[in-house]
Amino acid sequence: MILRICDVEHGACALLSHRENGVLGRLAMIDSGHAQDWRPSTHIRYVLRRTQLDYLFITNADLDHMSDLNSLWEMGIHVASLTRNPHPTPAILRAIKLQSGSLGPDIERFLSIHETYNSPIPEPFDTHMGRITFTSFFNSYPAFQDTNNLSLVIFFEYQGFKILFPGDLEAAGWLALLTRDDFRAALQGVDVLVASHHGRENGYSEELFKYCQPRAIIMSDKAIQHETQKMAGTYRARVVENFPDGVLVRTTMKRRHVLTTRRDGHIEITVSANGDFTIDTEYLG
C-alpha cells in the first residue's frame, strides 16, 4: 500500500494505490485540493499517466477539499466512483453553500456528481484494491447543519496498518460519533491520524484520545497565520503519552511525532505485506 499525503497547503488531497509484483494497481484519491504549483489532475494525467481515477472520496464539502475537482473532468480523467457523506440532500447542500456566496465550478461539479453517483459500485473498493479496505462514518443532517461536522470520517486498513482521515470534523462532531460503539471500536489500533481541519484548534478533541492512540499525526496545512494553527505541541503530547519514540522518518532517519506538509512537503507512507510501514518526506523537515 502506498499513500501520499500531498502538500496542498491549507487544503486536502491524498493519493492511495496498491502495488503487487512491482506494478501499481488501482488508484484512489481522498479529497481534491491543490496548491499553486501542484494539482492532482495534472499529476494523475501527466505524471501517473492515467485517464481513470478508480475511487474518489470527498471528506468535506468545502472548496479546500475539492479545489481541483472540476479539473479532473477537464483533463479527461474518468472518475469511476464517489464516496461522500450522503447527508444532506444536494438541494439542501446547495442552500448551505450559497450562504457563503456564489458557487464556483468545483462546488458545482461536486453537487452534480452528488446527485448522479448513486448506483452501486461495480468493482467495490474492499475487493478490488489489493486487500486495502475502508470503513466510513458520518453525522447526519439536520442534527448537524455545518459542513465541517458533516465530514466523512474514513479509516483505511492494510495488513494491520490503519490510518484515519476525519475531514474537518470539529469537537461537537467528534463527540457525536464517539457515542457509537462501532466508531469507538474502529479507533482502536489507529497507527496514523490525519489531524482534523488541518490541525486547527476547532478540530481537536481531547475525548478522541481516550480511544485513539496513534503512533504519529499528520497535518495538511500551510505556514502558520492564525493562533488556532499552533496545535502541533498539543498533538505531539498525545502521541508521546503512548509512543514516546514516535516513528522513524526514512528521509532524515529522525524520529517524529507530528509531521506537517508545511515543513515536510509531500509525505509518503509505504506499508509492506506484513503491515510494517515506512515514512518518506519531500523535504528534510
C-alpha atoms as a PDB file:
ATOM      1  CA  MET A   1       0.000   0.000   0.000  1.00  0.00           C
ATOM      2  CA  ILE A   2       1.336   3.427  -0.984  1.00  0.00           C
ATOM      3  CA  LEU A   3      -0.277   6.547   0.422  1.00  0.00           C
ATOM      4  CA  ARG A   4       0.872  10.076  -0.369  1.00  0.00           C
ATOM      5  CA  ILE A   5      -0.383  12.990   1.713  1.00  0.00           C
ATOM      6  CA  CYS A   6       0.009  15.764  -0.829  1.00  0.00           C
ATOM      7  CA  ASP A   7       1.253  19.238   0.002  1.00  0.00           C
ATOM      8  CA  VAL A   8      -1.713  21.403  -0.936  1.00  0.00           C
ATOM      9  CA  GLU A   9      -1.166  23.963   1.828  1.00  0.00           C
ATOM     10  CA  HIS A  10      -4.452  24.756   3.639  1.00  0.00           C
ATOM     11  CA  GLY A  11      -6.298  22.062   1.703  1.00  0.00           C
ATOM     12  CA  ALA A  12      -6.555  18.305   1.498  1.00  0.00           C
ATOM     13  CA  CYS A  13      -5.543  15.692  -1.044  1.00  0.00           C
ATOM     14  CA  ALA A  14      -4.087  12.203  -0.705  1.00  0.00           C
ATOM     15  CA  LEU A  15      -3.346   9.541  -3.307  1.00  0.00           C
ATOM     16  CA  LEU A  16      -3.683   5.866  -2.426  1.00  0.00           C
ATOM     17  CA  SER A  17      -2.661   2.874  -4.505  1.00  0.00           C
ATOM     18  CA  HIS A  18      -1.549  -0.716  -4.122  1.00  0.00           C
ATOM     19  CA  ARG A  19       1.458  -2.390  -5.687  1.00  0.00           C
ATOM     20  CA  GLU A  20       1.856  -6.056  -6.475  1.00  0.00           C
ATOM     21  CA  ASN A  21       4.994  -7.517  -8.046  1.00  0.00           C
ATOM     22  CA  GLY A  22       6.229  -4.002  -8.729  1.00  0.00           C
ATOM     23  CA  VAL A  23       3.108  -2.995 -10.653  1.00  0.00           C
ATOM     24  CA  LEU A  24       0.790  -0.267  -9.398  1.00  0.00           C
ATOM     25  CA  GLY A  25      -2.865  -1.243  -9.315  1.00  0.00           C
ATOM     26  CA  ARG A  26      -5.990   0.825  -8.945  1.00  0.00           C
ATOM     27  CA  LEU A  27      -5.847   4.454  -7.794  1.00  0.00           C
ATOM     28  CA  ALA A  28      -7.901   6.131  -5.092  1.00  0.00           C
ATOM     29  CA  MET A  29      -7.881   9.776  -4.039  1.00  0.00           C
ATOM     30  CA  ILE A  30      -9.038  11.309  -0.781  1.00  0.00           C
ATOM     31  CA  ASP A  31     -10.135  14.891  -1.488  1.00  0.00           C
ATOM     32  CA  SER A  32      -9.028  17.007  -4.415  1.00  0.00           C
ATOM     33  CA  GLY A  33      -7.373  20.148  -3.099  1.00  0.00           C
ATOM     34  CA  HIS A  34      -4.482  21.796  -4.932  1.00  0.00           C
ATOM     35  CA  ALA A  35      -1.564  24.179  -4.401  1.00  0.00           C
ATOM     36  CA  GLN A  36      -0.297  26.898  -6.691  1.00  0.00           C
ATOM     37  CA  ASP A  37       2.434  24.650  -8.077  1.00  0.00           C
ATOM     38  CA  TRP A  38       0.782  21.217  -7.809  1.00  0.00           C
ATOM     39  CA  ARG A  39      -2.583  19.842  -8.935  1.00  0.00           C
ATOM     40  CA  PRO A  40      -3.848  16.272  -8.583  1.00  0.00           C
ATOM     41  CA  SER A  41      -5.457  16.442 -12.036  1.00  0.00           C
ATOM     42  CA  THR A  42      -2.183  17.160 -13.835  1.00  0.00           C
ATOM     43  CA  HIS A  43      -0.271  14.723 -11.615  1.00  0.00           C
ATOM     44  CA  ILE A  44      -2.680  11.899 -12.421  1.00  0.00           C
ATOM     45  CA  ARG A  45      -2.808  12.718 -16.129  1.00  0.00           C
ATOM     46  CA  TYR A  46       0.809  13.522 -16.911  1.00  0.00           C
ATOM     47  CA  VAL A  47       2.942  12.019 -14.127  1.00  0.00           C
ATOM     48  CA  LEU A  48       0.996   8.841 -13.361  1.00  0.00           C
ATOM     49  CA  ARG A  49      -0.222   8.772 -16.992  1.00  0.00           C
ATOM     50  CA  ARG A  50      -3.692   7.647 -16.040  1.00  0.00           C
ATOM     51  CA  THR A  51      -7.019   8.570 -17.523  1.00  0.00           C
ATOM     52  CA  GLN A  52      -9.086   6.922 -14.773  1.00  0.00           C
ATOM     53  CA  LEU A  53      -9.417   7.616 -11.069  1.00  0.00           C
ATOM     54  CA  ASP A  54     -10.970   4.446  -9.690  1.00  0.00           C
ATOM     55  CA  TYR A  55     -12.151   5.710  -6.295  1.00  0.00           C
ATOM     56  CA  LEU A  56     -12.735   9.275  -5.160  1.00  0.00           C
ATOM     57  CA  PHE A  57     -13.502  10.111  -1.534  1.00  0.00           C
ATOM     58  CA  ILE A  58     -14.574  13.624  -0.554  1.00  0.00           C
ATOM     59  CA  THR A  59     -14.382  14.111   3.201  1.00  0.00           C
ATOM     60  CA  ASN A  60     -15.668  17.670   3.378  1.00  0.00           C
ATOM     61  CA  ALA A  61     -17.943  19.752   1.147  1.00  0.00           C
ATOM     62  CA  ASP A  62     -15.759  22.875   1.328  1.00  0.00           C
ATOM     63  CA  LEU A  63     -13.655  24.240  -1.508  1.00  0.00           C
ATOM     64  CA  ASP A  64     -10.245  23.490   0.028  1.00  0.00           C
ATOM     65  CA  HIS A  65     -11.115  19.790  -0.184  1.00  0.00           C
ATOM     66  CA  MET A  66     -12.150  19.938  -3.850  1.00  0.00           C
ATOM     67  CA  SER A  67     -10.492  22.974  -5.441  1.00  0.00           C
ATOM     68  CA  ASP A  68      -9.182  20.847  -8.323  1.00  0.00           C
ATOM     69  CA  LEU A  69     -12.260  18.647  -8.678  1.00  0.00           C
ATOM     70  CA  ASN A  70     -13.632  20.068 -11.912  1.00  0.00           C
ATOM     71  CA  SER A  71     -10.176  19.884 -13.497  1.00  0.00           C
ATOM     72  CA  LEU A  72     -10.350  16.093 -13.355  1.00  0.00           C
ATOM     73  CA  TRP A  73     -13.135  16.235 -15.923  1.00  0.00           C
ATOM     74  CA  GLU A  74     -11.387  18.966 -17.922  1.00  0.00           C
ATOM     75  CA  MET A  75      -8.275  16.759 -18.097  1.00  0.00           C
ATOM     76  CA  GLY A  76     -10.326  13.868 -19.425  1.00  0.00           C
ATOM     77  CA  ILE A  77      -9.916  11.764 -16.286  1.00  0.00           C
ATOM     78  CA  HIS A  78     -12.810   9.369 -15.751  1.00  0.00           C
ATOM     79  CA  VAL A  79     -13.893   9.267 -12.109  1.00  0.00           C
ATOM     80  CA  ALA A  80     -15.317   5.789 -11.697  1.00  0.00           C
ATOM     81  CA  SER A  81     -16.839   6.139  -8.211  1.00  0.00           C
ATOM     82  CA  LEU A  82     -17.527   8.672  -5.485  1.00  0.00           C
ATOM     83  CA  THR A  83     -17.838   8.141  -1.738  1.00  0.00           C
ATOM     84  CA  ARG A  84     -19.101  11.032   0.427  1.00  0.00           C
ATOM     85  CA  ASN A  85     -21.467  11.745   3.272  1.00  0.00           C
ATOM     86  CA  PRO A  86     -24.908  11.260   1.683  1.00  0.00           C
ATOM     87  CA  HIS A  87     -26.306  13.882   4.075  1.00  0.00           C
ATOM     88  CA  PRO A  88     -27.759  16.354   3.379  1.00  0.00           C
ATOM     89  CA  THR A  89     -29.513  16.147   0.014  1.00  0.00           C
ATOM     90  CA  PRO A  90     -27.908  18.022  -2.900  1.00  0.00           C
ATOM     91  CA  ALA A  91     -30.623  20.695  -2.756  1.00  0.00           C
ATOM     92  CA  ILE A  92     -30.052  21.365   0.932  1.00  0.00           C
ATOM     93  CA  LEU A  93     -26.284  21.274   0.483  1.00  0.00           C
ATOM     94  CA  ARG A  94     -26.586  23.839  -2.313  1.00  0.00           C
ATOM     95  CA  ALA A  95     -28.548  26.116   0.012  1.00  0.00           C
ATOM     96  CA  ILE A  96     -25.892  25.709   2.721  1.00  0.00           C
ATOM     97  CA  LYS A  97     -23.089  26.543   0.292  1.00  0.00           C
ATOM     98  CA  LEU A  98     -24.925  29.563  -1.114  1.00  0.00           C
ATOM     99  CA  GLN A  99     -24.874  31.110   2.348  1.00  0.00           C
ATOM    100  CA  SER A 100     -21.146  31.662   1.793  1.00  0.00           C
ATOM    101  CA  GLY A 101     -21.604  33.283  -1.638  1.00  0.00           C
ATOM    102  CA  SER A 102     -21.738  32.185  -5.257  1.00  0.00           C
ATOM    103  CA  LEU A 103     -20.667  28.665  -6.229  1.00  0.00           C
ATOM    104  CA  GLY A 104     -17.662  28.068  -8.451  1.00  0.00           C
ATOM    105  CA  PRO A 105     -17.106  25.222 -10.942  1.00  0.00           C
ATOM    106  CA  ASP A 106     -15.640  22.806  -8.384  1.00  0.00           C
ATOM    107  CA  ILE A 107     -18.562  23.084  -5.959  1.00  0.00           C
ATOM    108  CA  GLU A 108     -20.980  22.877  -8.889  1.00  0.00           C
ATOM    109  CA  ARG A 109     -19.241  19.716 -10.077  1.00  0.00           C
ATOM    110  CA  PHE A 110     -19.482  18.198  -6.604  1.00  0.00           C
ATOM    111  CA  LEU A 111     -23.185  18.985  -6.370  1.00  0.00           C
ATOM    112  CA  SER A 112     -23.691  17.466  -9.808  1.00  0.00           C
ATOM    113  CA  ILE A 113     -21.920  14.199  -9.044  1.00  0.00           C
ATOM    114  CA  HIS A 114     -23.501  14.171  -5.581  1.00  0.00           C
ATOM    115  CA  GLU A 115     -26.795  13.806  -7.434  1.00  0.00           C
ATOM    116  CA  THR A 116     -25.714  11.281 -10.060  1.00  0.00           C
ATOM    117  CA  TYR A 117     -23.144   8.930  -8.461  1.00  0.00           C
ATOM    118  CA  ASN A 118     -25.740   6.879  -6.604  1.00  0.00           C
ATOM    119  CA  SER A 119     -25.529   3.450  -8.209  1.00  0.00           C
ATOM    120  CA  PRO A 120     -23.728   0.505  -6.593  1.00  0.00           C
ATOM    121  CA  ILE A 121     -20.017   0.497  -7.421  1.00  0.00           C
ATOM    122  CA  PRO A 122     -19.385  -2.359  -9.902  1.00  0.00           C
ATOM    123  CA  GLU A 123     -15.874  -3.009  -8.565  1.00  0.00           C
ATOM    124  CA  PRO A 124     -16.094  -2.334  -4.809  1.00  0.00           C
ATOM    125  CA  PHE A 125     -13.032  -0.862  -3.123  1.00  0.00           C
ATOM    126  CA  ASP A 126     -12.685  -3.579  -0.495  1.00  0.00           C
ATOM    127  CA  THR A 127     -12.470  -6.394  -3.055  1.00  0.00           C
ATOM    128  CA  HIS A 128     -10.520  -4.639  -5.828  1.00  0.00           C
ATOM    129  CA  MET A 129      -7.887  -2.581  -4.011  1.00  0.00           C
ATOM    130  CA  GLY A 130      -5.256  -5.195  -3.247  1.00  0.00           C
ATOM    131  CA  ARG A 131      -6.528  -6.077   0.250  1.00  0.00           C
ATOM    132  CA  ILE A 132      -6.801  -2.417   1.305  1.00  0.00           C
ATOM    133  CA  THR A 133     -10.183  -1.828   2.956  1.00  0.00           C
ATOM    134  CA  PHE A 134     -12.044   1.178   4.282  1.00  0.00           C
ATOM    135  CA  THR A 135     -14.722   1.951   6.848  1.00  0.00           C
ATOM    136  CA  SER A 136     -16.535   5.286   7.000  1.00  0.00           C
ATOM    137  CA  PHE A 137     -18.683   7.153   9.490  1.00  0.00           C
ATOM    138  CA  PHE A 138     -20.584  10.416   9.366  1.00  0.00           C
ATOM    139  CA  ASN A 139     -23.027  12.601  11.219  1.00  0.00           C
ATOM    140  CA  SER A 140     -26.414  13.318   9.682  1.00  0.00           C
ATOM    141  CA  TYR A 141     -28.463  16.352   8.781  1.00  0.00           C
ATOM    142  CA  PRO A 142     -30.336  18.089  10.435  1.00  0.00           C
ATOM    143  CA  ALA A 143     -28.592  17.039  13.669  1.00  0.00           C
ATOM    144  CA  PHE A 144     -25.650  18.957  12.176  1.00  0.00           C
ATOM    145  CA  GLN A 145     -26.086  21.726   9.644  1.00  0.00           C
ATOM    146  CA  ASP A 146     -22.482  22.812   9.030  1.00  0.00           C
ATOM    147  CA  THR A 147     -20.190  21.170   6.505  1.00  0.00           C
ATOM    148  CA  ASN A 148     -17.342  20.568   8.976  1.00  0.00           C
ATOM    149  CA  ASN A 149     -19.359  18.385  11.334  1.00  0.00           C
ATOM    150  CA  LEU A 150     -20.903  16.643   8.321  1.00  0.00           C
ATOM    151  CA  SER A 151     -17.422  15.479   7.265  1.00  0.00           C
ATOM    152  CA  LEU A 152     -16.974  11.917   6.076  1.00  0.00           C
ATOM    153  CA  VAL A 153     -14.623  10.156   8.511  1.00  0.00           C
ATOM    154  CA  ILE A 154     -12.656   7.328   6.881  1.00  0.00           C
ATOM    155  CA  PHE A 155     -10.430   4.538   8.196  1.00  0.00           C
ATOM    156  CA  PHE A 156      -8.177   2.802   5.662  1.00  0.00           C
ATOM    157  CA  GLU A 157      -6.598  -0.507   6.668  1.00  0.00           C
ATOM    158  CA  TYR A 158      -3.997  -2.777   5.135  1.00  0.00           C
ATOM    159  CA  GLN A 159      -2.430  -5.840   6.772  1.00  0.00           C
ATOM    160  CA  GLY A 160      -2.949  -4.459  10.274  1.00  0.00           C
ATOM    161  CA  PHE A 161      -1.931  -0.874   9.451  1.00  0.00           C
ATOM    162  CA  LYS A 162      -4.679   1.724   9.953  1.00  0.00           C
ATOM    163  CA  ILE A 163      -4.897   5.439   9.099  1.00  0.00           C
ATOM    164  CA  LEU A 164      -7.739   7.821   9.909  1.00  0.00           C
ATOM    165  CA  PHE A 165      -8.922  10.731   7.741  1.00  0.00           C
ATOM    166  CA  PRO A 166     -11.545  12.802   9.632  1.00  0.00           C
ATOM    167  CA  GLY A 167     -12.040  15.664   7.173  1.00  0.00           C
ATOM    168  CA  ASP A 168     -12.742  18.902   9.046  1.00  0.00           C
ATOM    169  CA  LEU A 169     -14.694  17.363  11.908  1.00  0.00           C
ATOM    170  CA  GLU A 170     -14.987  19.677  14.914  1.00  0.00           C
ATOM    171  CA  ALA A 171     -15.320  18.876  18.626  1.00  0.00           C
ATOM    172  CA  ALA A 172     -19.117  18.554  18.577  1.00  0.00           C
ATOM    173  CA  GLY A 173     -18.972  16.172  15.629  1.00  0.00           C
ATOM    174  CA  TRP A 174     -16.313  14.042  17.319  1.00  0.00           C
ATOM    175  CA  LEU A 175     -18.424  13.783  20.461  1.00  0.00           C
ATOM    176  CA  ALA A 176     -21.483  12.714  18.472  1.00  0.00           C
ATOM    177  CA  LEU A 177     -19.576   9.914  16.727  1.00  0.00           C
ATOM    178  CA  LEU A 178     -17.926   8.843  19.971  1.00  0.00           C
ATOM    179  CA  THR A 179     -21.341   7.861  21.344  1.00  0.00           C
ATOM    180  CA  ARG A 180     -21.300   4.961  18.852  1.00  0.00           C
ATOM    181  CA  ASP A 181     -19.828   1.653  19.953  1.00  0.00           C
ATOM    182  CA  ASP A 182     -18.715   0.774  16.416  1.00  0.00           C
ATOM    183  CA  PHE A 183     -16.890   4.077  15.989  1.00  0.00           C
ATOM    184  CA  ARG A 184     -15.058   3.710  19.292  1.00  0.00           C
ATOM    185  CA  ALA A 185     -14.087   0.181  18.280  1.00  0.00           C
ATOM    186  CA  ALA A 186     -12.771   1.413  14.913  1.00  0.00           C
ATOM    187  CA  LEU A 187     -10.495   3.879  16.681  1.00  0.00           C
ATOM    188  CA  GLN A 188      -8.578   1.025  18.277  1.00  0.00           C
ATOM    189  CA  GLY A 189      -5.292   0.347  16.537  1.00  0.00           C
ATOM    190  CA  VAL A 190      -5.029   3.558  14.514  1.00  0.00           C
ATOM    191  CA  ASP A 191      -1.368   3.989  13.554  1.00  0.00           C
ATOM    192  CA  VAL A 192      -1.574   7.400  11.879  1.00  0.00           C
ATOM    193  CA  LEU A 193      -4.102  10.166  12.404  1.00  0.00           C
ATOM    194  CA  VAL A 194      -4.521  12.935   9.857  1.00  0.00           C
ATOM    195  CA  ALA A 195      -5.398  15.880  12.089  1.00  0.00           C
ATOM    196  CA  SER A 196      -8.890  17.225  11.576  1.00  0.00           C
ATOM    197  CA  HIS A 197      -9.319  20.657   9.993  1.00  0.00           C
ATOM    198  CA  HIS A 198      -5.633  20.873   9.056  1.00  0.00           C
ATOM    199  CA  GLY A 199      -4.615  20.785  12.712  1.00  0.00           C
ATOM    200  CA  ARG A 200      -6.686  23.809  13.681  1.00  0.00           C
ATOM    201  CA  GLU A 201      -7.843  24.096  17.289  1.00  0.00           C
ATOM    202  CA  ASN A 202     -11.538  23.635  16.471  1.00  0.00           C
ATOM    203  CA  GLY A 203     -10.798  20.183  15.003  1.00  0.00           C
ATOM    204  CA  TYR A 204      -9.168  18.922  18.186  1.00  0.00           C
ATOM    205  CA  SER A 205     -10.985  16.586  20.573  1.00  0.00           C
ATOM    206  CA  GLU A 206      -9.454  15.595  23.891  1.00  0.00           C
ATOM    207  CA  GLU A 207     -12.089  12.861  24.199  1.00  0.00           C
ATOM    208  CA  LEU A 208     -10.882  11.237  20.972  1.00  0.00           C
ATOM    209  CA  PHE A 209      -7.549  10.271  22.510  1.00  0.00           C
ATOM    210  CA  LYS A 210      -9.203   8.148  25.174  1.00  0.00           C
ATOM    211  CA  TYR A 211      -9.879   5.645  22.378  1.00  0.00           C
ATOM    212  CA  CYS A 212      -7.309   6.510  19.708  1.00  0.00           C
ATOM    213  CA  GLN A 213      -3.559   6.251  20.374  1.00  0.00           C
ATOM    214  CA  PRO A 214      -1.805   6.984  17.073  1.00  0.00           C
ATOM    215  CA  ARG A 215       1.912   6.475  16.571  1.00  0.00           C
ATOM    216  CA  ALA A 216       2.091   9.662  14.503  1.00  0.00           C
ATOM    217  CA  ILE A 217      -0.105  12.579  13.484  1.00  0.00           C
ATOM    218  CA  ILE A 218      -0.004  14.333  10.111  1.00  0.00           C
ATOM    219  CA  MET A 219      -1.229  17.869   9.428  1.00  0.00           C
ATOM    220  CA  SER A 220      -2.073  19.062   5.930  1.00  0.00           C
ATOM    221  CA  ASP A 221      -1.516  22.780   6.361  1.00  0.00           C
ATOM    222  CA  LYS A 222       0.328  25.911   5.270  1.00  0.00           C
ATOM    223  CA  ALA A 223       2.529  28.482   7.015  1.00  0.00           C
ATOM    224  CA  ILE A 224       1.110  29.498  10.400  1.00  0.00           C
ATOM    225  CA  GLN A 225      -1.042  32.610  10.117  1.00  0.00           C
ATOM    226  CA  HIS A 226      -3.509  32.143  12.975  1.00  0.00           C
ATOM    227  CA  GLU A 227      -3.232  31.239  16.654  1.00  0.00           C
ATOM    228  CA  THR A 228      -5.577  28.297  16.065  1.00  0.00           C
ATOM    229  CA  GLN A 229      -2.897  26.667  13.878  1.00  0.00           C
ATOM    230  CA  LYS A 230      -0.448  26.369  16.776  1.00  0.00           C
ATOM    231  CA  MET A 231      -1.591  22.917  17.852  1.00  0.00           C
ATOM    232  CA  ALA A 232       1.441  20.796  16.951  1.00  0.00           C
ATOM    233  CA  GLY A 233       2.630  20.735  20.565  1.00  0.00           C
ATOM    234  CA  THR A 234      -0.769  19.613  21.821  1.00  0.00           C
ATOM    235  CA  TYR A 235      -0.963  16.815  19.253  1.00  0.00           C
ATOM    236  CA  ARG A 236       2.633  15.814  19.937  1.00  0.00           C
ATOM    237  CA  ALA A 237       1.830  15.391  23.628  1.00  0.00           C
ATOM    238  CA  ARG A 238      -0.985  12.984  22.779  1.00  0.00           C
ATOM    239  CA  VAL A 239       1.413  10.790  20.778  1.00  0.00           C
ATOM    240  CA  VAL A 240       4.199  10.908  23.363  1.00  0.00           C
ATOM    241  CA  GLU A 241       1.838   9.581  26.045  1.00  0.00           C
ATOM    242  CA  ASN A 242       1.747   6.190  24.329  1.00  0.00           C
ATOM    243  CA  PHE A 243       4.634   6.212  21.843  1.00  0.00           C
ATOM    244  CA  PRO A 244       7.440   8.364  23.265  1.00  0.00           C
ATOM    245  CA  ASP A 245       9.769   7.374  20.413  1.00  0.00           C
ATOM    246  CA  GLY A 246       7.261   8.335  17.699  1.00  0.00           C
ATOM    247  CA  VAL A 247       8.004   6.981  14.227  1.00  0.00           C
ATOM    248  CA  LEU A 248      11.167   6.908  12.152  1.00  0.00           C
ATOM    249  CA  VAL A 249      11.175   9.096   9.026  1.00  0.00           C
ATOM    250  CA  ARG A 250      13.396   7.357   6.500  1.00  0.00           C
ATOM    251  CA  THR A 251      14.293  10.578   4.648  1.00  0.00           C
ATOM    252  CA  THR A 252      16.105  12.037   7.660  1.00  0.00           C
ATOM    253  CA  MET A 253      16.453   8.971   9.909  1.00  0.00           C
ATOM    254  CA  LYS A 254      14.950  11.074  12.688  1.00  0.00           C
ATOM    255  CA  ARG A 255      12.091  10.052  14.939  1.00  0.00           C
ATOM    256  CA  ARG A 256       8.997  12.239  14.735  1.00  0.00           C
ATOM    257  CA  HIS A 257       5.605  12.508  16.457  1.00  0.00           C
ATOM    258  CA  VAL A 258       3.923  15.137  14.255  1.00  0.00           C
ATOM    259  CA  LEU A 259       4.561  15.744  10.563  1.00  0.00           C
ATOM    260  CA  THR A 260       3.234  18.701   8.593  1.00  0.00           C
ATOM    261  CA  THR A 261       3.090  19.374   4.869  1.00  0.00           C
ATOM    262  CA  ARG A 262       4.290  22.942   5.531  1.00  0.00           C
ATOM    263  CA  ARG A 263       7.522  21.541   6.978  1.00  0.00           C
ATOM    264  CA  ASP A 264       7.844  18.180   5.245  1.00  0.00           C
ATOM    265  CA  GLY A 265       6.172  18.702   1.848  1.00  0.00           C
ATOM    266  CA  HIS A 266       4.585  15.599   0.363  1.00  0.00           C
ATOM    267  CA  ILE A 267       4.510  12.783   2.936  1.00  0.00           C
ATOM    268  CA  GLU A 268       4.521   9.214   1.655  1.00  0.00           C
ATOM    269  CA  ILE A 269       3.642   6.150   3.711  1.00  0.00           C
ATOM    270  CA  THR A 270       4.526   2.742   2.323  1.00  0.00           C
ATOM    271  CA  VAL A 271       3.056  -0.321   4.027  1.00  0.00           C
ATOM    272  CA  SER A 272       4.543  -3.746   3.342  1.00  0.00           C
ATOM    273  CA  ALA A 273       2.657  -7.016   3.058  1.00  0.00           C
ATOM    274  CA  ASN A 274       3.415  -7.782   6.717  1.00  0.00           C
ATOM    275  CA  GLY A 275       1.955  -4.476   7.946  1.00  0.00           C
ATOM    276  CA  ASP A 276       5.244  -2.681   8.635  1.00  0.00           C
ATOM    277  CA  PHE A 277       5.330   0.884   7.332  1.00  0.00           C
ATOM    278  CA  THR A 278       7.896   3.480   6.376  1.00  0.00           C
ATOM    279  CA  ILE A 279       7.543   7.246   6.037  1.00  0.00           C
ATOM    280  CA  ASP A 280       9.364   9.386   3.487  1.00  0.00           C
ATOM    281  CA  THR A 281       9.098  13.139   3.126  1.00  0.00           C
ATOM    282  CA  GLU A 282       9.768  15.539   0.259  1.00  0.00           C
ATOM    283  CA  TYR A 283      11.767  17.924   2.455  1.00  0.00           C
ATOM    284  CA  LEU A 284      14.153  17.374   5.344  1.00  0.00           C
ATOM    285  CA  GLY A 285      11.695  18.736   7.915  1.00  0.00           C
END
